[in-house]
Amino acid sequence: MILLARISIKGAEVYFKDSKATVKTNTGVSIISATRSGQLYMVDMDKIQPTALITQSKCRPTNFATWHRCLAYAGIDTIY
């Protein structure tokens, strides 16, 4: 799930056209694209650089379920 409020706070913009959504930085660089499936937009994972999904837990070890939620319900193949 991508929270539009957080995107706008960071200065990015979301554009919708036909069945596509695109998130662009304040400099106009496209960082995420998604395709509508029913009433949801599914992020086009094949177009995301793997480094965009890398993060680190500083407080304590984190289990798979937590990463699954934090990474917008990404599958096990994406997380591991």
PDB file of N, CA and C in Angstrom:
ATOM      1  N   MET A   1       0.846  -1.164   0.000  1.00  0.00           N
ATOM      2  CA  MET A   1       0.000   0.000   0.000  1.00  0.00           C
ATOM      3  C   MET A   1       0.895   1.232   0.000  1.00  0.00           C
ATOM      4  N   ILE A   2       0.596   2.132  -0.879  1.00  0.00           N
ATOM      5  CA  ILE A   2       1.330   3.385  -0.935  1.00  0.00           C
ATOM      6  C   ILE A   2       0.419   4.459  -0.365  1.00  0.00           C
ATOM      7  N   LEU A   3       0.869   5.160   0.631  1.00  0.00           N
ATOM      8  CA  LEU A   3       0.047   6.180   1.250  1.00  0.00           C
ATOM      9  C   LEU A   3       0.272   7.510   0.545  1.00  0.00           C
ATOM     10  N   LEU A   4      -0.758   8.007  -0.125  1.00  0.00           N
ATOM     11  CA  LEU A   4      -0.631   9.226  -0.908  1.00  0.00           C
ATOM     12  C   LEU A   4      -0.276  10.430  -0.056  1.00  0.00           C
ATOM     13  N   ALA A   5      -0.747  10.485   1.176  1.00  0.00           N
ATOM     14  CA  ALA A   5      -0.410  11.615   2.047  1.00  0.00           C
ATOM     15  C   ALA A   5       1.095  11.679   2.291  1.00  0.00           C
ATOM     16  N   ARG A   6       1.718  10.545   2.530  1.00  0.00           N
ATOM     17  CA  ARG A   6       3.171  10.532   2.757  1.00  0.00           C
ATOM     18  C   ARG A   6       3.938  10.918   1.506  1.00  0.00           C
ATOM     19  N   ILE A   7       3.438  10.492   0.359  1.00  0.00           N
ATOM     20  CA  ILE A   7       4.089  10.839  -0.895  1.00  0.00           C
ATOM     21  C   ILE A   7       4.060  12.351  -1.090  1.00  0.00           C
ATOM     22  N   SER A   8       2.916  12.966  -0.842  1.00  0.00           N
ATOM     23  CA  SER A   8       2.800  14.410  -1.051  1.00  0.00           C
ATOM     24  C   SER A   8       3.610  15.196  -0.033  1.00  0.00           C
ATOM     25  N   ILE A   9       3.720  14.700   1.197  1.00  0.00           N
ATOM     26  CA  ILE A   9       4.534  15.371   2.216  1.00  0.00           C
ATOM     27  C   ILE A   9       5.991  15.422   1.776  1.00  0.00           C
ATOM     28  N   LYS A  10       6.446  14.386   1.105  1.00  0.00           N
ATOM     29  CA  LYS A  10       7.833  14.329   0.637  1.00  0.00           C
ATOM     30  C   LYS A  10       8.051  15.132  -0.641  1.00  0.00           C
ATOM     31  N   GLY A  11       6.989  15.724  -1.191  1.00  0.00           N
ATOM     32  CA  GLY A  11       7.126  16.565  -2.373  1.00  0.00           C
ATOM     33  C   GLY A  11       6.926  15.846  -3.689  1.00  0.00           C
ATOM     34  N   ALA A  12       6.576  14.565  -3.656  1.00  0.00           N
ATOM     35  CA  ALA A  12       6.329  13.821  -4.893  1.00  0.00           C
ATOM     36  C   ALA A  12       4.885  14.036  -5.334  1.00  0.00           C
ATOM     37  N   GLU A  13       4.597  13.678  -6.571  1.00  0.00           N
ATOM     38  CA  GLU A  13       3.258  13.810  -7.114  1.00  0.00           C
ATOM     39  C   GLU A  13       2.830  12.502  -7.748  1.00  0.00           C
ATOM     40  N   VAL A  14       1.521  12.246  -7.735  1.00  0.00           N
ATOM     41  CA  VAL A  14       0.963  11.040  -8.333  1.00  0.00           C
ATOM     42  C   VAL A  14       0.099  11.457  -9.516  1.00  0.00           C
ATOM     43  N   TYR A  15       0.321  10.810 -10.655  1.00  0.00           N
ATOM     44  CA  TYR A  15      -0.436  11.094 -11.868  1.00  0.00           C
ATOM     45  C   TYR A  15      -1.233   9.855 -12.253  1.00  0.00           C
ATOM     46  N   PHE A  16      -2.494  10.052 -12.604  1.00  0.00           N
ATOM     47  CA  PHE A  16      -3.358   8.965 -13.038  1.00  0.00           C
ATOM     48  C   PHE A  16      -3.784   9.221 -14.476  1.00  0.00           C
ATOM     49  N   LYS A  17      -3.658   8.201 -15.329  1.00  0.00           N
ATOM     50  CA  LYS A  17      -4.107   8.297 -16.717  1.00  0.00           C
ATOM     51  C   LYS A  17      -4.497   6.904 -17.184  1.00  0.00           C
ATOM     52  N   ASP A  18      -5.711   6.811 -17.727  1.00  0.00           N
ATOM     53  CA  ASP A  18      -6.257   5.525 -18.167  1.00  0.00           C
ATOM     54  C   ASP A  18      -6.186   4.537 -17.007  1.00  0.00           C
ATOM     55  N   SER A  19      -5.484   3.443 -17.141  1.00  0.00           N
ATOM     56  CA  SER A  19      -5.383   2.438 -16.077  1.00  0.00           C
ATOM     57  C   SER A  19      -4.020   2.458 -15.407  1.00  0.00           C
ATOM     58  N   LYS A  20      -3.298   3.562 -15.509  1.00  0.00           N
ATOM     59  CA  LYS A  20      -1.947   3.654 -14.959  1.00  0.00           C
ATOM     60  C   LYS A  20      -1.853   4.755 -13.912  1.00  0.00           C
ATOM     61  N   ALA A  21      -0.984   4.567 -12.950  1.00  0.00           N
ATOM     62  CA  ALA A  21      -0.632   5.590 -11.971  1.00  0.00           C
ATOM     63  C   ALA A  21       0.889   5.688 -11.954  1.00  0.00           C
ATOM     64  N   THR A  22       1.403   6.900 -11.853  1.00  0.00           N
ATOM     65  CA  THR A  22       2.845   7.120 -11.820  1.00  0.00           C
ATOM     66  C   THR A  22       3.168   8.076 -10.683  1.00  0.00           C
ATOM     67  N   VAL A  23       4.181   7.732  -9.900  1.00  0.00           N
ATOM     68  CA  VAL A  23       4.661   8.616  -8.841  1.00  0.00           C
ATOM     69  C   VAL A  23       5.960   9.242  -9.334  1.00  0.00           C
ATOM     70  N   LYS A  24       6.003  10.586  -9.262  1.00  0.00           N
ATOM     71  CA  LYS A  24       7.194  11.310  -9.700  1.00  0.00           C
ATOM     72  C   LYS A  24       7.713  12.177  -8.567  1.00  0.00           C
ATOM     73  N   THR A  25       9.041  12.290  -8.507  1.00  0.00           N
ATOM     74  CA  THR A  25       9.656  13.154  -7.510  1.00  0.00           C
ATOM     75  C   THR A  25       9.395  14.603  -7.872  1.00  0.00           C
ATOM     76  N   ASN A  26       9.768  15.510  -6.971  1.00  0.00           N
ATOM     77  CA  ASN A  26       9.569  16.929  -7.251  1.00  0.00           C
ATOM     78  C   ASN A  26      10.462  17.429  -8.389  1.00  0.00           C
ATOM     79  N   THR A  27      11.425  16.613  -8.809  1.00  0.00           N
ATOM     80  CA  THR A  27      12.264  16.966  -9.961  1.00  0.00           C
ATOM     81  C   THR A  27      11.751  16.322 -11.252  1.00  0.00           C
ATOM     82  N   GLY A  28      10.644  15.584 -11.167  1.00  0.00           N
ATOM     83  CA  GLY A  28      10.038  14.992 -12.350  1.00  0.00           C
ATOM     84  C   GLY A  28      10.508  13.589 -12.690  1.00  0.00           C
ATOM     85  N   VAL A  29      11.320  12.978 -11.827  1.00  0.00           N
ATOM     86  CA  VAL A  29      11.809  11.619 -12.068  1.00  0.00           C
ATOM     87  C   VAL A  29      10.727  10.617 -11.655  1.00  0.00           C
ATOM     88  N   SER A  30      10.365   9.720 -12.561  1.00  0.00           N
ATOM     89  CA  SER A  30       9.378   8.684 -12.283  1.00  0.00           C
ATOM     90  C   SER A  30      10.004   7.615 -11.394  1.00  0.00           C
ATOM     91  N   ILE A  31       9.396   7.361 -10.219  1.00  0.00           N
ATOM     92  CA  ILE A  31       9.981   6.381  -9.299  1.00  0.00           C
ATOM     93  C   ILE A  31       9.128   5.133  -9.104  1.00  0.00           C
ATOM     94  N   ILE A  32       7.818   5.238  -9.342  1.00  0.00           N
ATOM     95  CA  ILE A  32       6.933   4.082  -9.196  1.00  0.00           C
ATOM     96  C   ILE A  32       5.850   4.174 -10.257  1.00  0.00           C
ATOM     97  N   SER A  33       5.531   3.026 -10.859  1.00  0.00           N
ATOM     98  CA  SER A  33       4.373   2.967 -11.742  1.00  0.00           C
ATOM     99  C   SER A  33       3.491   1.816 -11.278  1.00  0.00           C
ATOM    100  N   ALA A  34       2.204   1.968 -11.536  1.00  0.00           N
ATOM    101  CA  ALA A  34       1.252   0.941 -11.120  1.00  0.00           C
ATOM    102  C   ALA A  34       0.159   0.820 -12.168  1.00  0.00           C
ATOM    103  N   THR A  35      -0.424  -0.374 -12.259  1.00  0.00           N
ATOM    104  CA  THR A  35      -1.495  -0.644 -13.202  1.00  0.00           C
ATOM    105  C   THR A  35      -2.755  -0.997 -12.414  1.00  0.00           C
ATOM    106  N   ARG A  36      -3.896  -0.434 -12.825  1.00  0.00           N
ATOM    107  CA  ARG A  36      -5.145  -0.695 -12.121  1.00  0.00           C
ATOM    108  C   ARG A  36      -5.624  -2.114 -12.382  1.00  0.00           C
ATOM    109  N   SER A  37      -6.030  -2.764 -11.307  1.00  0.00           N
ATOM    110  CA  SER A  37      -6.613  -4.102 -11.369  1.00  0.00           C
ATOM    111  C   SER A  37      -7.875  -4.058 -10.513  1.00  0.00           C
ATOM    112  N   GLY A  38      -9.026  -3.927 -11.162  1.00  0.00           N
ATOM    113  CA  GLY A  38     -10.269  -3.736 -10.413  1.00  0.00           C
ATOM    114  C   GLY A  38     -10.265  -2.364  -9.783  1.00  0.00           C
ATOM    115  N   GLN A  39     -10.395  -2.305  -8.452  1.00  0.00           N
ATOM    116  CA  GLN A  39     -10.381  -1.028  -7.751  1.00  0.00           C
ATOM    117  C   GLN A  39      -9.048  -0.731  -7.084  1.00  0.00           C
ATOM    118  N   LEU A  40      -8.034  -1.550  -7.349  1.00  0.00           N
ATOM    119  CA  LEU A  40      -6.711  -1.362  -6.755  1.00  0.00           C
ATOM    120  C   LEU A  40      -5.675  -1.081  -7.830  1.00  0.00           C
ATOM    121  N   TYR A  41      -4.614  -0.394  -7.457  1.00  0.00           N
ATOM    122  CA  TYR A  41      -3.465  -0.211  -8.336  1.00  0.00           C
ATOM    123  C   TYR A  41      -2.350  -1.116  -7.838  1.00  0.00           C
ATOM    124  N   MET A  42      -1.864  -1.971  -8.724  1.00  0.00           N
ATOM    125  CA  MET A  42      -0.796  -2.906  -8.383  1.00  0.00           C
ATOM    126  C   MET A  42       0.526  -2.324  -8.887  1.00  0.00           C
ATOM    127  N   VAL A  43       1.496  -2.185  -7.979  1.00  0.00           N
ATOM    128  CA  VAL A  43       2.791  -1.635  -8.355  1.00  0.00           C
ATOM    129  C   VAL A  43       3.469  -2.568  -9.345  1.00  0.00           C
ATOM    130  N   ASP A  44       4.019  -1.992 -10.408  1.00  0.00           N
ATOM    131  CA  ASP A  44       4.738  -2.759 -11.431  1.00  0.00           C
ATOM    132  C   ASP A  44       6.122  -3.100 -10.885  1.00  0.00           C
ATOM    133  N   MET A  45       6.203  -4.230 -10.186  1.00  0.00           N
ATOM    134  CA  MET A  45       7.434  -4.605  -9.484  1.00  0.00           C
ATOM    135  C   MET A  45       8.606  -4.823 -10.424  1.00  0.00           C
ATOM    136  N   ASP A  46       8.346  -5.247 -11.663  1.00  0.00           N
ATOM    137  CA  ASP A  46       9.439  -5.504 -12.598  1.00  0.00           C
ATOM    138  C   ASP A  46      10.133  -4.209 -13.029  1.00  0.00           C
ATOM    139  N   LYS A  47       9.540  -3.052 -12.745  1.00  0.00           N
ATOM    140  CA  LYS A  47      10.130  -1.780 -13.141  1.00  0.00           C
ATOM    141  C   LYS A  47      10.808  -1.058 -11.989  1.00  0.00           C
ATOM    142  N   ILE A  48      10.821  -1.668 -10.807  1.00  0.00           N
ATOM    143  CA  ILE A  48      11.432  -1.051  -9.628  1.00  0.00           C
ATOM    144  C   ILE A  48      12.850  -1.580  -9.463  1.00  0.00           C
ATOM    145  N   GLN A  49      13.775  -0.669  -9.199  1.00  0.00           N
ATOM    146  CA  GLN A  49      15.145  -1.073  -8.918  1.00  0.00           C
ATOM    147  C   GLN A  49      15.164  -1.776  -7.554  1.00  0.00           C
ATOM    148  N   PRO A  50      15.843  -2.915  -7.434  1.00  0.00           N
ATOM    149  CA  PRO A  50      15.852  -3.646  -6.160  1.00  0.00           C
ATOM    150  C   PRO A  50      16.290  -2.801  -4.976  1.00  0.00           C
ATOM    151  N   THR A  51      17.160  -1.848  -5.187  1.00  0.00           N
ATOM    152  CA  THR A  51      17.632  -1.018  -4.076  1.00  0.00           C
ATOM    153  C   THR A  51      16.508  -0.192  -3.463  1.00  0.00           C
ATOM    154  N   ALA A  52      15.416   0.030  -4.202  1.00  0.00           N
ATOM    155  CA  ALA A  52      14.298   0.802  -3.673  1.00  0.00           C
ATOM    156  C   ALA A  52      13.567   0.039  -2.575  1.00  0.00           C
ATOM    157  N   LEU A  53      13.787  -1.274  -2.485  1.00  0.00           N
ATOM    158  CA  LEU A  53      13.092  -2.078  -1.496  1.00  0.00           C
ATOM    159  C   LEU A  53      13.982  -2.486  -0.323  1.00  0.00           C
ATOM    160  N   ILE A  54      15.172  -1.946  -0.268  1.00  0.00           N
ATOM    161  CA  ILE A  54      16.097  -2.321   0.794  1.00  0.00           C
ATOM    162  C   ILE A  54      15.913  -1.386   1.978  1.00  0.00           C
ATOM    163  N   THR A  55      15.801  -1.974   3.149  1.00  0.00           N
ATOM    164  CA  THR A  55      15.705  -1.192   4.372  1.00  0.00           C
ATOM    165  C   THR A  55      16.323  -1.995   5.494  1.00  0.00           C
ATOM    166  N   GLN A  56      16.461  -1.400   6.638  1.00  0.00           N
ATOM    167  CA  GLN A  56      17.150  -2.074   7.719  1.00  0.00           C
ATOM    168  C   GLN A  56      16.451  -1.778   9.045  1.00  0.00           C
ATOM    169  N   SER A  57      16.353  -2.778   9.871  1.00  0.00           N
ATOM    170  CA  SER A  57      15.791  -2.598  11.198  1.00  0.00           C
ATOM    171  C   SER A  57      16.918  -2.284  12.155  1.00  0.00           C
ATOM    172  N   LYS A  58      16.845  -1.155  12.840  1.00  0.00           N
ATOM    173  CA  LYS A  58      17.907  -0.755  13.754  1.00  0.00           C
ATOM    174  C   LYS A  58      17.620  -1.161  15.195  1.00  0.00           C
ATOM    175  N   CYS A  59      16.344  -1.352  15.517  1.00  0.00           N
ATOM    176  CA  CYS A  59      15.984  -1.605  16.912  1.00  0.00           C
ATOM    177  C   CYS A  59      16.155  -3.060  17.332  1.00  0.00           C
ATOM    178  N   ARG A  60      15.608  -3.950  16.546  1.00  0.00           N
ATOM    179  CA  ARG A  60      15.625  -5.373  16.918  1.00  0.00           C
ATOM    180  C   ARG A  60      15.394  -6.208  15.671  1.00  0.00           C
ATOM    181  N   PRO A  61      15.711  -7.494  15.728  1.00  0.00           N
ATOM    182  CA  PRO A  61      15.436  -8.352  14.575  1.00  0.00           C
ATOM    183  C   PRO A  61      13.950  -8.307  14.223  1.00  0.00           C
ATOM    184  N   THR A  62      13.656  -8.387  12.939  1.00  0.00           N
ATOM    185  CA  THR A  62      12.280  -8.274  12.467  1.00  0.00           C
ATOM    186  C   THR A  62      11.889  -9.535  11.717  1.00  0.00           C
ATOM    187  N   ASN A  63      10.682 -10.004  11.946  1.00  0.00           N
ATOM    188  CA  ASN A  63      10.235 -11.237  11.301  1.00  0.00           C
ATOM    189  C   ASN A  63       9.664 -10.963   9.910  1.00  0.00           C
ATOM    190  N   PHE A  64       9.387 -12.026   9.190  1.00  0.00           N
ATOM    191  CA  PHE A  64       8.887 -11.929   7.823  1.00  0.00           C
ATOM    192  C   PHE A  64       7.566 -11.154   7.755  1.00  0.00           C
ATOM    193  N   ALA A  65       6.654 -11.402   8.682  1.00  0.00           N
ATOM    194  CA  ALA A  65       5.336 -10.753   8.649  1.00  0.00           C
ATOM    195  C   ALA A  65       5.463  -9.231   8.708  1.00  0.00           C
ATOM    196  N   THR A  66       6.391  -8.745   9.501  1.00  0.00           N
ATOM    197  CA  THR A  66       6.592  -7.296   9.600  1.00  0.00           C
ATOM    198  C   THR A  66       7.109  -6.738   8.285  1.00  0.00           C
ATOM    199  N   TRP A  67       8.123  -7.373   7.692  1.00  0.00           N
ATOM    200  CA  TRP A  67       8.645  -6.912   6.409  1.00  0.00           C
ATOM    201  C   TRP A  67       7.578  -7.015   5.324  1.00  0.00           C
ATOM    202  N   HIS A  68       6.781  -8.055   5.378  1.00  0.00           N
ATOM    203  CA  HIS A  68       5.697  -8.247   4.411  1.00  0.00           C
ATOM    204  C   HIS A  68       4.757  -7.037   4.425  1.00  0.00           C
ATOM    205  N   ARG A  69       4.387  -6.581   5.616  1.00  0.00           N
ATOM    206  CA  ARG A  69       3.522  -5.393   5.739  1.00  0.00           C
ATOM    207  C   ARG A  69       4.262  -4.124   5.321  1.00  0.00           C
ATOM    208  N   CYS A  70       5.489  -3.955   5.770  1.00  0.00           N
ATOM    209  CA  CYS A  70       6.255  -2.730   5.468  1.00  0.00           C
ATOM    210  C   CYS A  70       6.537  -2.575   3.980  1.00  0.00           C
ATOM    211  N   LEU A  71       6.681  -3.666   3.288  1.00  0.00           N
ATOM    212  CA  LEU A  71       6.993  -3.615   1.845  1.00  0.00           C
ATOM    213  C   LEU A  71       5.736  -3.825   1.003  1.00  0.00           C
ATOM    214  N   ALA A  72       4.627  -3.301   1.486  1.00  0.00           N
ATOM    215  CA  ALA A  72       3.365  -3.305   0.742  1.00  0.00           C
ATOM    216  C   ALA A  72       2.915  -4.702   0.351  1.00  0.00           C
ATOM    217  N   TYR A  73       3.070  -5.622   1.294  1.00  0.00           N
ATOM    218  CA  TYR A  73       2.621  -6.995   1.103  1.00  0.00           C
ATOM    219  C   TYR A  73       3.338  -7.696  -0.039  1.00  0.00           C
ATOM    220  N   ALA A  74       4.626  -7.420  -0.173  1.00  0.00           N
ATOM    221  CA  ALA A  74       5.447  -8.087  -1.178  1.00  0.00           C
ATOM    222  C   ALA A  74       5.537  -9.569  -0.866  1.00  0.00           C
ATOM    223  N   GLY A  75       5.710 -10.367  -1.898  1.00  0.00           N
ATOM    224  CA  GLY A  75       5.786 -11.812  -1.727  1.00  0.00           C
ATOM    225  C   GLY A  75       7.107 -12.271  -1.144  1.00  0.00           C
ATOM    226  N   ILE A  76       7.160 -13.530  -0.772  1.00  0.00           N
ATOM    227  CA  ILE A  76       8.353 -14.095  -0.152  1.00  0.00           C
ATOM    228  C   ILE A  76       9.564 -14.030  -1.093  1.00  0.00           C
ATOM    229  N   ASP A  77       9.357 -14.191  -2.399  1.00  0.00           N
ATOM    230  CA  ASP A  77      10.466 -14.142  -3.345  1.00  0.00           C
ATOM    231  C   ASP A  77      11.074 -12.747  -3.413  1.00  0.00           C
ATOM    232  N   THR A  78      10.287 -11.717  -3.203  1.00  0.00           N
ATOM    233  CA  THR A  78      10.784 -10.354  -3.224  1.00  0.00           C
ATOM    234  C   THR A  78      11.548 -10.030  -1.948  1.00  0.00           C
ATOM    235  N   ILE A  79      11.086 -10.521  -0.825  1.00  0.00           N
ATOM    236  CA  ILE A  79      11.689 -10.185   0.473  1.00  0.00           C
ATOM    237  C   ILE A  79      12.971 -10.964   0.712  1.00  0.00           C
ATOM    238  N   TYR A  80      13.001 -12.254   0.356  1.00  0.00           N
ATOM    239  CA  TYR A  80      14.200 -13.051   0.619  1.00  0.00           C
ATOM    240  C   TYR A  80      15.074 -13.084  -0.571  1.00  0.00           C
TER     241      TYR A  80
END
